[in-house]
C-alpha atoms as a PDB file:
ATOM      1  CA  MET A   1       0.023  23.752  29.252  1.00  0.00           C
ATOM      2  CA  GLN A   2      -1.658  20.351  28.313  1.00  0.00           C
ATOM      3  CA  ASN A   3       0.395  17.208  28.462  1.00  0.00           C
ATOM      4  CA  THR A   4       0.519  16.066  24.838  1.00  0.00           C
ATOM      5  CA  LYS A   5       2.275  12.974  25.540  1.00  0.00           C
ATOM      6  CA  SER A   6       0.631   9.694  25.833  1.00  0.00           C
ATOM      7  CA  ALA A   7       1.097   7.589  29.240  1.00  0.00           C
ATOM      8  CA  ILE A   8      -0.097   4.575  27.159  1.00  0.00           C
ATOM      9  CA  SER A   9       2.040   4.873  23.841  1.00  0.00           C
ATOM     10  CA  GLY A  10       5.200   6.201  25.257  1.00  0.00           C
ATOM     11  CA  ASP A  11       6.236   8.498  22.455  1.00  0.00           C
ATOM     12  CA  SER A  12       2.978   9.338  21.125  1.00  0.00           C
ATOM     13  CA  VAL A  13       2.219  13.156  21.009  1.00  0.00           C
ATOM     14  CA  GLY A  14      -0.888  15.283  20.526  1.00  0.00           C
ATOM     15  CA  THR A  15      -4.540  15.288  20.394  1.00  0.00           C
ATOM     16  CA  PHE A  16      -4.321  12.361  17.606  1.00  0.00           C
ATOM     17  CA  GLN A  17      -1.411  10.451  19.668  1.00  0.00           C
ATOM     18  CA  VAL A  18       0.879  10.640  16.385  1.00  0.00           C
ATOM     19  CA  ARG A  19       4.177   9.230  16.942  1.00  0.00           C
ATOM     20  CA  PRO A  20       7.475  10.538  15.706  1.00  0.00           C
ATOM     21  CA  ILE A  21       8.298   8.094  13.509  1.00  0.00           C
ATOM     22  CA  VAL A  22       4.746   8.524  11.411  1.00  0.00           C
ATOM     23  CA  ALA A  23       5.817  12.331  11.261  1.00  0.00           C
ATOM     24  CA  GLN A  24       9.170  11.439   9.908  1.00  0.00           C
ATOM     25  CA  GLU A  25       7.275   9.375   7.105  1.00  0.00           C
ATOM     26  CA  TYR A  26       5.402  12.318   6.399  1.00  0.00           C
ATOM     27  CA  LYS A  27       8.394  14.281   6.076  1.00  0.00           C
ATOM     28  CA  ARG A  28       9.985  12.208   3.996  1.00  0.00           C
ATOM     29  CA  VAL A  29       6.763  11.698   1.650  1.00  0.00           C
ATOM     30  CA  MET A  30       5.387  15.131   1.722  1.00  0.00           C
ATOM     31  CA  LYS A  31       8.766  16.561   1.792  1.00  0.00           C
ATOM     32  CA  GLN A  32       7.637  19.262   4.622  1.00  0.00           C
ATOM     33  CA  ASP A  33       8.617  19.845   8.435  1.00  0.00           C
ATOM     34  CA  VAL A  34       6.011  19.265  11.028  1.00  0.00           C
ATOM     35  CA  ASP A  35       5.875  19.852  14.775  1.00  0.00           C
ATOM     36  CA  LEU A  36       3.527  17.546  16.457  1.00  0.00           C
ATOM     37  CA  THR A  37       2.853  19.772  19.190  1.00  0.00           C
ATOM     38  CA  ASN A  38       1.269  21.943  17.254  1.00  0.00           C
ATOM     39  CA  PRO A  39      -2.295  20.498  16.872  1.00  0.00           C
ATOM     40  CA  ALA A  40      -3.496  21.568  13.602  1.00  0.00           C
ATOM     41  CA  GLN A  41      -0.125  19.952  12.079  1.00  0.00           C
ATOM     42  CA  ASN A  42      -0.781  16.838  14.489  1.00  0.00           C
ATOM     43  CA  GLN A  43      -4.227  16.517  13.023  1.00  0.00           C
ATOM     44  CA  MET A  44      -2.789  16.987   9.536  1.00  0.00           C
ATOM     45  CA  ILE A  45      -0.645  13.844   9.746  1.00  0.00           C
ATOM     46  CA  ALA A  46      -3.008  11.871  11.392  1.00  0.00           C
ATOM     47  CA  GLN A  47      -5.560  12.539   8.451  1.00  0.00           C
ATOM     48  CA  TRP A  48      -2.816  11.625   6.075  1.00  0.00           C
ATOM     49  CA  TYR A  49      -1.827   8.590   8.057  1.00  0.00           C
ATOM     50  CA  LEU A  50      -5.465   7.549   8.107  1.00  0.00           C
ATOM     51  CA  GLN A  51      -6.470   8.481   4.428  1.00  0.00           C
ATOM     52  CA  ASP A  52      -3.364   7.813   2.655  1.00  0.00           C
ATOM     53  CA  TYR A  53      -0.490   5.806   4.122  1.00  0.00           C
ATOM     54  CA  ILE A  54      -2.674   2.830   6.055  1.00  0.00           C
ATOM     55  CA  PRO A  55      -4.902   2.443   3.090  1.00  0.00           C
ATOM     56  CA  LYS A  56      -1.734   2.270   0.599  1.00  0.00           C
ATOM     57  CA  TYR A  57      -0.060  -0.144   3.108  1.00  0.00           C
ATOM     58  CA  LEU A  58      -3.083  -2.313   3.350  1.00  0.00           C
ATOM     59  CA  THR A  59      -3.521  -2.465  -0.304  1.00  0.00           C
ATOM     60  CA  SER A  60       0.178  -3.581  -0.710  1.00  0.00           C
ATOM     61  CA  HIS A  61      -0.404  -6.533   1.728  1.00  0.00           C
ATOM     62  CA  ASN A  62      -3.648  -7.429  -0.068  1.00  0.00           C
ATOM     63  CA  ILE A  63      -5.565  -6.563   2.736  1.00  0.00           C
ATOM     64  CA  PRO A  64      -9.068  -5.173   2.162  1.00  0.00           C
ATOM     65  CA  VAL A  65      -9.189  -1.424   3.101  1.00  0.00           C
ATOM     66  CA  VAL A  66     -12.278  -1.014   5.492  1.00  0.00           C
ATOM     67  CA  PRO A  67     -12.672   0.950   8.289  1.00  0.00           C
ATOM     68  CA  ASN A  68     -11.976  -1.675  11.079  1.00  0.00           C
ATOM     69  CA  HIS A  69      -8.849  -2.648   9.234  1.00  0.00           C
ATOM     70  CA  ILE A  70      -7.499   1.254   9.052  1.00  0.00           C
ATOM     71  CA  ILE A  71      -8.660   1.712  12.722  1.00  0.00           C
ATOM     72  CA  ALA A  72      -6.540  -1.295  13.898  1.00  0.00           C
ATOM     73  CA  SER A  73      -3.833  -0.257  12.004  1.00  0.00           C
ATOM     74  CA  TYR A  74      -3.731   3.146  13.261  1.00  0.00           C
ATOM     75  CA  ASN A  75      -3.752   1.672  16.786  1.00  0.00           C
ATOM     76  CA  MET A  76      -1.541  -0.967  16.168  1.00  0.00           C
ATOM     77  CA  GLY A  77       0.582   0.427  13.695  1.00  0.00           C
ATOM     78  CA  PRO A  78       0.203  -0.760   9.932  1.00  0.00           C
ATOM     79  CA  ALA A  79       3.056  -3.373  10.156  1.00  0.00           C
ATOM     80  CA  GLY A  80       1.683  -4.718  13.555  1.00  0.00           C
ATOM     81  CA  PHE A  81      -1.823  -5.284  12.101  1.00  0.00           C
ATOM     82  CA  VAL A  82      -0.443  -6.823   9.133  1.00  0.00           C
ATOM     83  CA  THR A  83       1.705  -9.466  11.243  1.00  0.00           C
ATOM     84  CA  GLY A  84      -0.836  -9.953  13.839  1.00  0.00           C
ATOM     85  CA  LYS A  85       1.819  -8.443  16.503  1.00  0.00           C
END
């Protein structure tokens, strides 16, 4: 069995290294249970996070929604990117 936990990100799970807090937000917004260890669901959540959640978050903070901001937000978390922490 493949190890789906990240040694770097602590609690990130799966191919797309989705954090459980992101899955909780997905579940809240989409009203759908998820399993981060399921590769298809892990990808689905990562795609939602990149294409929907992060752009809305950046827009709400008057930050341009451009690829480098989206990728940095994915890696740092949107709040981390916005605050620089």
